[in-house]
Amino acid sequence: KEKIKKNGKKGKYNISKEEMNIIVGENVDRLCSIEIRPRMAASGVFPALYKAARNKYLYPLTYLAAKGIIENIKEKDHIFILTGAGGPPRYPKGESDGLPGAVALARSLHLGLNLNPIIITEKRNFEPIYAMANEMGMNPLLPNQTFSSRINPLLVLDFPCGKEKSSEVSHALLKNINLQLLWS
């Protein structure tokens, strides 16, 4: 547990920007660790996992993740955002956070840090992702388009189900795209 140095500059409310970021991180962590489960599902899993992880670090996990991204990534870097676990066939109507969360994260990382987001998911998720992307002001790339050819670009790539095919595609993606961040 290493303490992060505060820059000492106080803002309007006598709190530094770094201290405010930590407070925001605490609140985002609190939101992310809320567990809402179906009646028959095991409960207490998310809070226990969060508590175990948080015991290792002095600062909020979301704060540390954001700080790490900001300090280690530069504009136009490519990022993979993986999604699709909460969709058909197991959940015919889908989950309420996976696909929209991936698109919202892609938008935030593009607009906030000027990164090139690449959502990787099964083909069956393309239509809802494209619809959400359009609603959020993102522009999915068409074949042969580059990130510089569109405003607020988003690349969506197919990832096959099944161990053999997915292993092959994983290696090809990592070989062909200069990846800087993978978010799963």
N, C-alpha and C. Protein backbone atom coordinates (compact mmCIF):
# COMPACT_ATOMS: atom_id res chain seq x y z
N LYS A 1 0.85 -1.18 0.00
CA LYS A 1 0.00 0.00 0.00
C LYS A 1 0.89 1.24 0.00
N GLU A 2 0.89 1.91 -1.12
CA GLU A 2 1.74 3.09 -1.25
C GLU A 2 0.86 4.32 -1.28
N LYS A 3 1.17 5.28 -0.42
CA LYS A 3 0.38 6.50 -0.34
C LYS A 3 0.69 7.42 -1.52
N ILE A 4 -0.36 7.93 -2.16
CA ILE A 4 -0.19 8.84 -3.30
C ILE A 4 0.03 10.25 -2.77
N LYS A 5 1.04 10.92 -3.30
CA LYS A 5 1.34 12.28 -2.85
C LYS A 5 0.28 13.25 -3.35
N LYS A 6 -0.15 14.10 -2.47
CA LYS A 6 -1.12 15.12 -2.85
C LYS A 6 -0.36 16.36 -3.31
N ASN A 7 -0.88 17.03 -4.33
CA ASN A 7 -0.15 18.17 -4.88
C ASN A 7 -0.23 19.42 -4.00
N GLY A 8 -1.08 19.41 -2.98
CA GLY A 8 -1.13 20.50 -2.05
C GLY A 8 -1.97 21.70 -2.49
N LYS A 9 -2.31 21.80 -3.76
CA LYS A 9 -3.12 22.91 -4.24
C LYS A 9 -4.57 22.69 -3.83
N LYS A 10 -5.13 23.66 -3.18
CA LYS A 10 -6.51 23.55 -2.72
C LYS A 10 -7.43 24.30 -3.67
N GLY A 11 -8.59 23.74 -3.88
CA GLY A 11 -9.57 24.37 -4.76
C GLY A 11 -10.53 25.23 -3.97
N LYS A 12 -11.66 25.51 -4.57
CA LYS A 12 -12.68 26.38 -3.99
C LYS A 12 -13.16 25.88 -2.62
N TYR A 13 -13.22 24.57 -2.45
CA TYR A 13 -13.76 24.00 -1.22
C TYR A 13 -12.67 23.47 -0.29
N ASN A 14 -11.45 24.04 -0.39
CA ASN A 14 -10.34 23.69 0.46
C ASN A 14 -9.98 22.20 0.36
N ILE A 15 -10.05 21.68 -0.85
CA ILE A 15 -9.71 20.29 -1.10
C ILE A 15 -8.96 20.23 -2.42
N SER A 16 -7.91 19.44 -2.46
CA SER A 16 -7.13 19.35 -3.70
C SER A 16 -7.89 18.53 -4.74
N LYS A 17 -7.48 18.70 -5.98
CA LYS A 17 -8.09 17.93 -7.08
C LYS A 17 -7.89 16.44 -6.84
N GLU A 18 -6.71 16.07 -6.37
CA GLU A 18 -6.39 14.66 -6.10
C GLU A 18 -7.29 14.10 -5.00
N GLU A 19 -7.50 14.89 -3.94
CA GLU A 19 -8.38 14.44 -2.86
C GLU A 19 -9.82 14.28 -3.37
N MET A 20 -10.26 15.18 -4.23
CA MET A 20 -11.61 15.07 -4.80
C MET A 20 -11.71 13.82 -5.67
N ASN A 21 -10.66 13.54 -6.46
CA ASN A 21 -10.67 12.33 -7.29
C ASN A 21 -10.79 11.07 -6.43
N ILE A 22 -10.15 11.06 -5.29
CA ILE A 22 -10.22 9.92 -4.39
C ILE A 22 -11.63 9.79 -3.82
N ILE A 23 -12.24 10.90 -3.45
CA ILE A 23 -13.62 10.88 -2.94
C ILE A 23 -14.57 10.36 -4.01
N VAL A 24 -14.41 10.83 -5.24
CA VAL A 24 -15.25 10.34 -6.35
C VAL A 24 -15.02 8.84 -6.52
N GLY A 25 -13.76 8.40 -6.46
CA GLY A 25 -13.46 6.98 -6.57
C GLY A 25 -14.14 6.15 -5.51
N GLU A 26 -14.17 6.66 -4.28
CA GLU A 26 -14.87 5.94 -3.19
C GLU A 26 -16.34 5.75 -3.53
N ASN A 27 -16.96 6.79 -4.05
CA ASN A 27 -18.38 6.71 -4.37
C ASN A 27 -18.66 5.81 -5.58
N VAL A 28 -17.79 5.86 -6.58
CA VAL A 28 -17.95 4.97 -7.74
C VAL A 28 -17.74 3.52 -7.30
N ASP A 29 -16.74 3.28 -6.46
CA ASP A 29 -16.54 1.93 -5.92
C ASP A 29 -17.78 1.43 -5.19
N ARG A 30 -18.37 2.30 -4.41
CA ARG A 30 -19.57 1.93 -3.67
C ARG A 30 -20.69 1.52 -4.63
N LEU A 31 -20.87 2.29 -5.69
CA LEU A 31 -21.89 1.95 -6.70
C LEU A 31 -21.59 0.63 -7.39
N CYS A 32 -20.32 0.42 -7.72
CA CYS A 32 -19.93 -0.80 -8.46
C CYS A 32 -20.03 -2.05 -7.60
N SER A 33 -20.00 -1.91 -6.30
CA SER A 33 -20.03 -3.10 -5.45
C SER A 33 -21.41 -3.39 -4.88
N ILE A 34 -22.42 -2.66 -5.32
CA ILE A 34 -23.80 -2.97 -4.91
C ILE A 34 -24.20 -4.27 -5.57
N GLU A 35 -24.78 -5.14 -4.80
CA GLU A 35 -25.16 -6.44 -5.34
C GLU A 35 -26.68 -6.54 -5.44
N ILE A 36 -27.15 -6.70 -6.66
CA ILE A 36 -28.58 -6.91 -6.91
C ILE A 36 -28.69 -8.25 -7.63
N ARG A 37 -29.21 -9.24 -6.94
CA ARG A 37 -29.23 -10.60 -7.46
C ARG A 37 -30.67 -11.13 -7.47
N PRO A 38 -30.94 -12.08 -8.36
CA PRO A 38 -32.25 -12.75 -8.32
C PRO A 38 -32.42 -13.47 -6.98
N ARG A 39 -33.64 -13.70 -6.60
CA ARG A 39 -33.93 -14.30 -5.28
C ARG A 39 -33.19 -15.61 -5.03
N MET A 40 -33.13 -16.46 -6.01
CA MET A 40 -32.55 -17.79 -5.80
C MET A 40 -31.03 -17.82 -6.02
N ALA A 41 -30.44 -16.73 -6.40
CA ALA A 41 -28.99 -16.69 -6.66
C ALA A 41 -28.22 -16.45 -5.37
N ALA A 42 -27.00 -16.92 -5.37
CA ALA A 42 -26.13 -16.70 -4.20
C ALA A 42 -25.93 -15.21 -4.01
N SER A 43 -25.92 -14.78 -2.77
CA SER A 43 -25.70 -13.36 -2.50
C SER A 43 -24.46 -13.20 -1.63
N GLY A 44 -23.95 -11.98 -1.59
CA GLY A 44 -22.77 -11.69 -0.80
C GLY A 44 -21.47 -11.86 -1.55
N VAL A 45 -21.56 -12.25 -2.83
CA VAL A 45 -20.36 -12.51 -3.62
C VAL A 45 -19.62 -11.21 -3.94
N PHE A 46 -20.30 -10.26 -4.54
CA PHE A 46 -19.64 -9.02 -4.96
C PHE A 46 -19.05 -8.24 -3.80
N PRO A 47 -19.80 -8.03 -2.70
CA PRO A 47 -19.20 -7.30 -1.58
C PRO A 47 -17.96 -8.00 -1.01
N ALA A 48 -17.98 -9.32 -0.95
CA ALA A 48 -16.83 -10.07 -0.42
C ALA A 48 -15.61 -9.93 -1.34
N LEU A 49 -15.85 -10.02 -2.65
CA LEU A 49 -14.74 -9.86 -3.60
C LEU A 49 -14.17 -8.45 -3.53
N TYR A 50 -15.05 -7.46 -3.46
CA TYR A 50 -14.59 -6.08 -3.39
C TYR A 50 -13.77 -5.86 -2.11
N LYS A 51 -14.29 -6.35 -1.00
CA LYS A 51 -13.60 -6.15 0.28
C LYS A 51 -12.20 -6.78 0.25
N ALA A 52 -12.10 -7.99 -0.31
CA ALA A 52 -10.80 -8.65 -0.41
C ALA A 52 -9.84 -7.85 -1.28
N ALA A 53 -10.33 -7.35 -2.41
CA ALA A 53 -9.47 -6.56 -3.30
C ALA A 53 -9.09 -5.24 -2.64
N ARG A 54 -10.03 -4.60 -2.01
CA ARG A 54 -9.79 -3.29 -1.41
C ARG A 54 -8.82 -3.37 -0.24
N ASN A 55 -8.81 -4.50 0.46
CA ASN A 55 -7.89 -4.67 1.58
C ASN A 55 -6.43 -4.64 1.13
N LYS A 56 -6.19 -4.87 -0.16
CA LYS A 56 -4.83 -4.86 -0.70
C LYS A 56 -4.34 -3.45 -1.04
N TYR A 57 -5.27 -2.51 -1.18
CA TYR A 57 -4.91 -1.17 -1.67
C TYR A 57 -5.42 -0.08 -0.74
N LEU A 58 -4.67 0.98 -0.67
CA LEU A 58 -5.01 2.10 0.20
C LEU A 58 -6.12 2.97 -0.41
N TYR A 59 -6.24 2.94 -1.73
CA TYR A 59 -7.15 3.85 -2.42
C TYR A 59 -8.26 3.08 -3.15
N PRO A 60 -9.35 3.78 -3.52
CA PRO A 60 -10.45 3.13 -4.24
C PRO A 60 -9.96 2.48 -5.54
N LEU A 61 -10.51 1.33 -5.84
CA LEU A 61 -10.08 0.57 -7.01
C LEU A 61 -10.35 1.31 -8.31
N THR A 62 -11.50 1.96 -8.41
CA THR A 62 -11.81 2.69 -9.65
C THR A 62 -10.88 3.89 -9.81
N TYR A 63 -10.53 4.52 -8.72
CA TYR A 63 -9.57 5.63 -8.76
C TYR A 63 -8.22 5.13 -9.27
N LEU A 64 -7.75 4.01 -8.74
CA LEU A 64 -6.47 3.45 -9.15
C LEU A 64 -6.48 3.04 -10.62
N ALA A 65 -7.61 2.45 -11.07
CA ALA A 65 -7.73 2.05 -12.48
C ALA A 65 -7.68 3.28 -13.38
N ALA A 66 -8.45 4.30 -13.04
CA ALA A 66 -8.48 5.53 -13.86
C ALA A 66 -7.11 6.20 -13.87
N LYS A 67 -6.48 6.28 -12.73
CA LYS A 67 -5.15 6.89 -12.63
C LYS A 67 -4.15 6.12 -13.48
N GLY A 68 -4.20 4.80 -13.42
CA GLY A 68 -3.30 3.98 -14.22
C GLY A 68 -3.49 4.17 -15.71
N ILE A 69 -4.75 4.25 -16.12
CA ILE A 69 -5.05 4.48 -17.54
C ILE A 69 -4.51 5.83 -17.99
N ILE A 70 -4.83 6.86 -17.23
CA ILE A 70 -4.42 8.22 -17.60
C ILE A 70 -2.89 8.35 -17.66
N GLU A 71 -2.20 7.70 -16.73
CA GLU A 71 -0.74 7.83 -16.68
C GLU A 71 -0.02 6.96 -17.72
N ASN A 72 -0.67 5.94 -18.24
CA ASN A 72 0.03 4.99 -19.10
C ASN A 72 -0.46 4.91 -20.54
N ILE A 73 -1.46 5.66 -20.87
CA ILE A 73 -2.02 5.58 -22.22
C ILE A 73 -1.91 6.96 -22.88
N LYS A 74 -1.71 6.94 -24.17
CA LYS A 74 -1.63 8.22 -24.88
C LYS A 74 -2.74 8.28 -25.94
N GLU A 75 -3.00 9.47 -26.42
CA GLU A 75 -4.04 9.68 -27.43
C GLU A 75 -3.86 8.72 -28.60
N LYS A 76 -4.99 8.29 -29.13
CA LYS A 76 -5.07 7.41 -30.30
C LYS A 76 -4.65 5.96 -30.03
N ASP A 77 -4.31 5.63 -28.78
CA ASP A 77 -4.02 4.23 -28.47
C ASP A 77 -5.28 3.39 -28.65
N HIS A 78 -5.09 2.14 -29.02
CA HIS A 78 -6.22 1.22 -29.20
C HIS A 78 -6.53 0.51 -27.89
N ILE A 79 -7.83 0.39 -27.60
CA ILE A 79 -8.27 -0.32 -26.40
C ILE A 79 -9.32 -1.35 -26.80
N PHE A 80 -9.25 -2.51 -26.20
CA PHE A 80 -10.27 -3.54 -26.39
C PHE A 80 -11.23 -3.49 -25.21
N ILE A 81 -12.51 -3.51 -25.52
CA ILE A 81 -13.56 -3.62 -24.50
C ILE A 81 -14.32 -4.90 -24.84
N LEU A 82 -14.28 -5.87 -23.93
CA LEU A 82 -14.92 -7.15 -24.17
C LEU A 82 -16.29 -7.18 -23.52
N THR A 83 -17.29 -7.67 -24.24
CA THR A 83 -18.65 -7.76 -23.70
C THR A 83 -19.40 -8.88 -24.39
N GLY A 84 -20.55 -9.23 -23.82
CA GLY A 84 -21.40 -10.22 -24.46
C GLY A 84 -21.85 -11.34 -23.55
N ALA A 85 -21.26 -11.47 -22.36
CA ALA A 85 -21.60 -12.61 -21.50
C ALA A 85 -23.06 -12.60 -21.05
N GLY A 86 -23.65 -11.46 -20.92
CA GLY A 86 -25.01 -11.38 -20.40
C GLY A 86 -26.06 -11.28 -21.48
N GLY A 87 -25.88 -11.96 -22.59
CA GLY A 87 -26.83 -11.87 -23.70
C GLY A 87 -27.37 -13.23 -24.09
N PRO A 88 -28.05 -13.27 -25.23
CA PRO A 88 -28.60 -14.54 -25.71
C PRO A 88 -27.45 -15.54 -25.93
N PRO A 89 -27.66 -16.79 -25.85
CA PRO A 89 -28.93 -17.49 -25.63
C PRO A 89 -29.31 -17.62 -24.16
N ARG A 90 -28.33 -17.50 -23.23
CA ARG A 90 -28.67 -17.70 -21.82
C ARG A 90 -29.66 -16.65 -21.31
N TYR A 91 -29.46 -15.41 -21.69
CA TYR A 91 -30.37 -14.33 -21.31
C TYR A 91 -30.97 -13.76 -22.60
N PRO A 92 -32.11 -14.28 -23.03
CA PRO A 92 -32.68 -13.88 -24.33
C PRO A 92 -32.89 -12.37 -24.46
N LYS A 93 -33.24 -11.70 -23.40
CA LYS A 93 -33.46 -10.25 -23.45
C LYS A 93 -32.19 -9.48 -23.08
N GLY A 94 -31.17 -10.19 -22.68
CA GLY A 94 -29.90 -9.55 -22.34
C GLY A 94 -29.89 -8.96 -20.95
N GLU A 95 -28.71 -8.58 -20.49
CA GLU A 95 -28.56 -7.90 -19.23
C GLU A 95 -28.73 -6.40 -19.46
N SER A 96 -28.84 -5.68 -18.39
CA SER A 96 -29.05 -4.24 -18.54
C SER A 96 -27.74 -3.46 -18.48
N ASP A 97 -26.63 -4.12 -18.24
CA ASP A 97 -25.40 -3.35 -18.10
C ASP A 97 -24.29 -3.71 -19.07
N GLY A 98 -24.20 -4.94 -19.54
CA GLY A 98 -23.07 -5.38 -20.35
C GLY A 98 -22.87 -4.59 -21.63
N LEU A 99 -23.81 -4.72 -22.56
CA LEU A 99 -23.67 -4.04 -23.85
C LEU A 99 -23.73 -2.52 -23.72
N PRO A 100 -24.73 -1.97 -23.01
CA PRO A 100 -24.75 -0.50 -22.87
C PRO A 100 -23.52 0.02 -22.12
N GLY A 101 -23.08 -0.73 -21.13
CA GLY A 101 -21.90 -0.32 -20.37
C GLY A 101 -20.65 -0.28 -21.24
N ALA A 102 -20.53 -1.26 -22.14
CA ALA A 102 -19.37 -1.30 -23.04
C ALA A 102 -19.37 -0.10 -23.97
N VAL A 103 -20.54 0.24 -24.51
CA VAL A 103 -20.63 1.39 -25.42
C VAL A 103 -20.39 2.69 -24.65
N ALA A 104 -20.95 2.80 -23.45
CA ALA A 104 -20.73 4.01 -22.64
C ALA A 104 -19.25 4.16 -22.27
N LEU A 105 -18.62 3.05 -21.93
CA LEU A 105 -17.19 3.08 -21.61
C LEU A 105 -16.37 3.48 -22.84
N ALA A 106 -16.72 2.92 -24.00
CA ALA A 106 -16.02 3.28 -25.25
C ALA A 106 -16.15 4.78 -25.51
N ARG A 107 -17.35 5.30 -25.33
CA ARG A 107 -17.59 6.73 -25.56
C ARG A 107 -16.78 7.58 -24.58
N SER A 108 -16.81 7.19 -23.31
CA SER A 108 -16.08 7.96 -22.29
C SER A 108 -14.58 7.98 -22.56
N LEU A 109 -14.03 6.82 -22.91
CA LEU A 109 -12.59 6.75 -23.15
C LEU A 109 -12.19 7.47 -24.44
N HIS A 110 -13.09 7.48 -25.41
CA HIS A 110 -12.79 8.22 -26.65
C HIS A 110 -12.89 9.73 -26.42
N LEU A 111 -14.01 10.17 -25.86
CA LEU A 111 -14.20 11.61 -25.68
C LEU A 111 -13.29 12.18 -24.60
N GLY A 112 -13.06 11.42 -23.53
CA GLY A 112 -12.25 11.93 -22.42
C GLY A 112 -10.76 11.86 -22.65
N LEU A 113 -10.29 10.78 -23.30
CA LEU A 113 -8.85 10.59 -23.47
C LEU A 113 -8.41 10.45 -24.93
N ASN A 114 -9.37 10.58 -25.84
CA ASN A 114 -9.11 10.47 -27.28
C ASN A 114 -8.47 9.13 -27.66
N LEU A 115 -9.02 8.05 -27.08
CA LEU A 115 -8.55 6.71 -27.38
C LEU A 115 -9.39 6.11 -28.50
N ASN A 116 -8.89 5.07 -29.14
CA ASN A 116 -9.61 4.38 -30.21
C ASN A 116 -10.25 3.11 -29.64
N PRO A 117 -11.55 3.15 -29.36
CA PRO A 117 -12.21 1.99 -28.73
C PRO A 117 -12.59 0.91 -29.73
N ILE A 118 -12.34 -0.33 -29.33
CA ILE A 118 -12.70 -1.50 -30.13
C ILE A 118 -13.50 -2.43 -29.22
N ILE A 119 -14.79 -2.58 -29.51
CA ILE A 119 -15.62 -3.50 -28.74
C ILE A 119 -15.53 -4.86 -29.41
N ILE A 120 -15.24 -5.86 -28.62
CA ILE A 120 -15.14 -7.24 -29.12
C ILE A 120 -16.27 -8.04 -28.48
N THR A 121 -17.09 -8.64 -29.35
CA THR A 121 -18.27 -9.36 -28.89
C THR A 121 -18.72 -10.35 -29.97
N GLU A 122 -19.73 -11.13 -29.65
CA GLU A 122 -20.28 -12.04 -30.65
C GLU A 122 -21.11 -11.26 -31.66
N LYS A 123 -21.18 -11.74 -32.87
CA LYS A 123 -21.91 -11.08 -33.96
C LYS A 123 -23.37 -10.80 -33.57
N ARG A 124 -23.97 -11.69 -32.78
CA ARG A 124 -25.37 -11.52 -32.37
C ARG A 124 -25.60 -10.23 -31.57
N ASN A 125 -24.53 -9.63 -31.06
CA ASN A 125 -24.65 -8.39 -30.27
C ASN A 125 -24.42 -7.13 -31.10
N PHE A 126 -24.06 -7.28 -32.38
CA PHE A 126 -23.75 -6.11 -33.19
C PHE A 126 -24.92 -5.15 -33.30
N GLU A 127 -26.10 -5.66 -33.61
CA GLU A 127 -27.26 -4.77 -33.83
C GLU A 127 -27.56 -3.91 -32.61
N PRO A 128 -27.68 -4.50 -31.40
CA PRO A 128 -27.94 -3.62 -30.25
C PRO A 128 -26.78 -2.67 -29.95
N ILE A 129 -25.55 -3.12 -30.17
CA ILE A 129 -24.41 -2.23 -29.93
C ILE A 129 -24.44 -1.07 -30.91
N TYR A 130 -24.70 -1.34 -32.19
CA TYR A 130 -24.79 -0.26 -33.18
C TYR A 130 -25.90 0.73 -32.81
N ALA A 131 -27.04 0.22 -32.38
CA ALA A 131 -28.16 1.09 -32.01
C ALA A 131 -27.77 1.98 -30.83
N MET A 132 -27.17 1.38 -29.81
CA MET A 132 -26.76 2.17 -28.64
C MET A 132 -25.67 3.17 -29.00
N ALA A 133 -24.72 2.74 -29.83
CA ALA A 133 -23.64 3.63 -30.25
C ALA A 133 -24.21 4.85 -30.97
N ASN A 134 -25.15 4.63 -31.86
CA ASN A 134 -25.78 5.76 -32.57
C ASN A 134 -26.48 6.69 -31.60
N GLU A 135 -27.19 6.14 -30.62
CA GLU A 135 -27.89 6.97 -29.63
C GLU A 135 -26.91 7.77 -28.76
N MET A 136 -25.72 7.21 -28.55
CA MET A 136 -24.71 7.88 -27.71
C MET A 136 -23.77 8.77 -28.52
N GLY A 137 -24.04 8.90 -29.83
CA GLY A 137 -23.21 9.78 -30.65
C GLY A 137 -21.92 9.16 -31.14
N MET A 138 -21.82 7.85 -31.04
CA MET A 138 -20.64 7.15 -31.56
C MET A 138 -20.96 6.66 -32.97
N ASN A 139 -19.95 6.54 -33.80
CA ASN A 139 -20.14 6.13 -35.19
C ASN A 139 -19.37 4.85 -35.49
N PRO A 140 -20.09 3.72 -35.50
CA PRO A 140 -19.41 2.46 -35.81
C PRO A 140 -18.74 2.52 -37.19
N LEU A 141 -17.53 2.01 -37.24
CA LEU A 141 -16.77 2.00 -38.49
C LEU A 141 -17.29 0.92 -39.42
N LEU A 142 -17.31 1.24 -40.67
CA LEU A 142 -17.68 0.28 -41.71
C LEU A 142 -16.41 -0.41 -42.18
N PRO A 143 -16.53 -1.55 -42.88
CA PRO A 143 -15.31 -2.20 -43.38
C PRO A 143 -14.44 -1.22 -44.17
N ASN A 144 -13.17 -1.33 -43.98
CA ASN A 144 -12.14 -0.52 -44.67
C ASN A 144 -12.07 0.93 -44.19
N GLN A 145 -12.84 1.32 -43.17
CA GLN A 145 -12.71 2.66 -42.62
C GLN A 145 -11.68 2.63 -41.49
N THR A 146 -11.04 3.77 -41.27
CA THR A 146 -10.07 3.88 -40.19
C THR A 146 -10.63 4.81 -39.11
N PHE A 147 -9.99 4.80 -37.95
CA PHE A 147 -10.45 5.65 -36.86
C PHE A 147 -10.41 7.12 -37.25
N SER A 148 -9.49 7.51 -38.07
CA SER A 148 -9.38 8.93 -38.46
C SER A 148 -10.41 9.33 -39.51
N SER A 149 -11.16 8.36 -40.05
CA SER A 149 -12.12 8.68 -41.11
C SER A 149 -13.50 9.07 -40.59
N ARG A 150 -13.74 8.96 -39.28
CA ARG A 150 -15.05 9.30 -38.73
C ARG A 150 -14.91 10.08 -37.43
N ILE A 151 -15.92 10.86 -37.13
CA ILE A 151 -15.99 11.56 -35.85
C ILE A 151 -16.56 10.56 -34.83
N ASN A 152 -16.00 10.53 -33.64
CA ASN A 152 -16.42 9.61 -32.57
C ASN A 152 -16.51 8.17 -33.07
N PRO A 153 -15.40 7.64 -33.58
CA PRO A 153 -15.43 6.30 -34.17
C PRO A 153 -15.48 5.19 -33.13
N LEU A 154 -16.05 4.08 -33.52
CA LEU A 154 -16.13 2.88 -32.69
C LEU A 154 -16.00 1.68 -33.62
N LEU A 155 -15.03 0.82 -33.33
CA LEU A 155 -14.88 -0.40 -34.11
C LEU A 155 -15.48 -1.54 -33.31
N VAL A 156 -16.32 -2.35 -33.95
CA VAL A 156 -16.92 -3.51 -33.31
C VAL A 156 -16.44 -4.74 -34.08
N LEU A 157 -15.82 -5.66 -33.37
CA LEU A 157 -15.27 -6.86 -34.01
C LEU A 157 -15.95 -8.11 -33.47
N ASP A 158 -16.12 -9.07 -34.36
CA ASP A 158 -16.75 -10.34 -34.02
C ASP A 158 -15.76 -11.23 -33.28
N PHE A 159 -16.25 -11.86 -32.24
CA PHE A 159 -15.45 -12.84 -31.50
C PHE A 159 -16.26 -14.12 -31.40
N PRO A 160 -15.75 -15.21 -31.94
CA PRO A 160 -16.53 -16.44 -31.99
C PRO A 160 -16.65 -17.13 -30.64
N CYS A 161 -17.71 -17.88 -30.49
CA CYS A 161 -17.88 -18.73 -29.31
C CYS A 161 -17.10 -20.02 -29.56
N GLY A 162 -16.68 -20.67 -28.53
CA GLY A 162 -15.97 -21.93 -28.68
C GLY A 162 -14.48 -21.76 -28.49
N LYS A 163 -13.88 -22.71 -27.78
CA LYS A 163 -12.47 -22.62 -27.39
C LYS A 163 -11.50 -22.56 -28.56
N GLU A 164 -11.67 -23.43 -29.54
CA GLU A 164 -10.72 -23.49 -30.66
C GLU A 164 -10.72 -22.21 -31.49
N LYS A 165 -11.91 -21.80 -31.92
CA LYS A 165 -11.99 -20.61 -32.77
C LYS A 165 -11.57 -19.36 -31.99
N SER A 166 -12.00 -19.26 -30.74
CA SER A 166 -11.70 -18.06 -29.96
C SER A 166 -10.20 -17.93 -29.70
N SER A 167 -9.51 -19.01 -29.50
CA SER A 167 -8.06 -18.97 -29.29
C SER A 167 -7.36 -18.44 -30.54
N GLU A 168 -7.78 -18.93 -31.69
CA GLU A 168 -7.20 -18.49 -32.97
C GLU A 168 -7.44 -17.00 -33.21
N VAL A 169 -8.68 -16.56 -32.98
CA VAL A 169 -9.02 -15.15 -33.19
C VAL A 169 -8.29 -14.26 -32.18
N SER A 170 -8.17 -14.70 -30.94
CA SER A 170 -7.44 -13.94 -29.92
C SER A 170 -6.01 -13.66 -30.36
N HIS A 171 -5.33 -14.70 -30.81
CA HIS A 171 -3.94 -14.53 -31.25
C HIS A 171 -3.86 -13.58 -32.44
N ALA A 172 -4.79 -13.69 -33.39
CA ALA A 172 -4.78 -12.82 -34.57
C ALA A 172 -5.01 -11.36 -34.16
N LEU A 173 -5.96 -11.13 -33.26
CA LEU A 173 -6.23 -9.76 -32.81
C LEU A 173 -5.00 -9.15 -32.15
N LEU A 174 -4.39 -9.89 -31.26
CA LEU A 174 -3.23 -9.37 -30.55
C LEU A 174 -2.03 -9.16 -31.48
N LYS A 175 -1.96 -9.95 -32.53
CA LYS A 175 -0.87 -9.82 -33.49
C LYS A 175 -1.08 -8.62 -34.42
N ASN A 176 -2.34 -8.36 -34.80
CA ASN A 176 -2.64 -7.36 -35.83
C ASN A 176 -2.99 -5.98 -35.30
N ILE A 177 -3.30 -5.86 -34.02
CA ILE A 177 -3.69 -4.55 -33.48
C ILE A 177 -2.73 -4.19 -32.35
N ASN A 178 -2.20 -2.99 -32.41
CA ASN A 178 -1.29 -2.51 -31.38
C ASN A 178 -2.12 -2.12 -30.16
N LEU A 179 -2.36 -3.08 -29.30
CA LEU A 179 -3.24 -2.92 -28.15
C LEU A 179 -2.52 -2.28 -26.98
N GLN A 180 -3.18 -1.31 -26.33
CA GLN A 180 -2.62 -0.66 -25.15
C GLN A 180 -3.41 -0.95 -23.88
N LEU A 181 -4.70 -1.32 -24.02
CA LEU A 181 -5.54 -1.57 -22.85
C LEU A 181 -6.59 -2.59 -23.21
N LEU A 182 -6.82 -3.53 -22.32
CA LEU A 182 -7.89 -4.51 -22.49
C LEU A 182 -8.80 -4.40 -21.28
N TRP A 183 -10.09 -4.14 -21.52
CA TRP A 183 -11.06 -3.97 -20.46
C TRP A 183 -12.11 -5.06 -20.61
N SER A 184 -12.23 -5.88 -19.59
CA SER A 184 -13.16 -7.00 -19.67
C SER A 184 -14.18 -6.92 -18.55
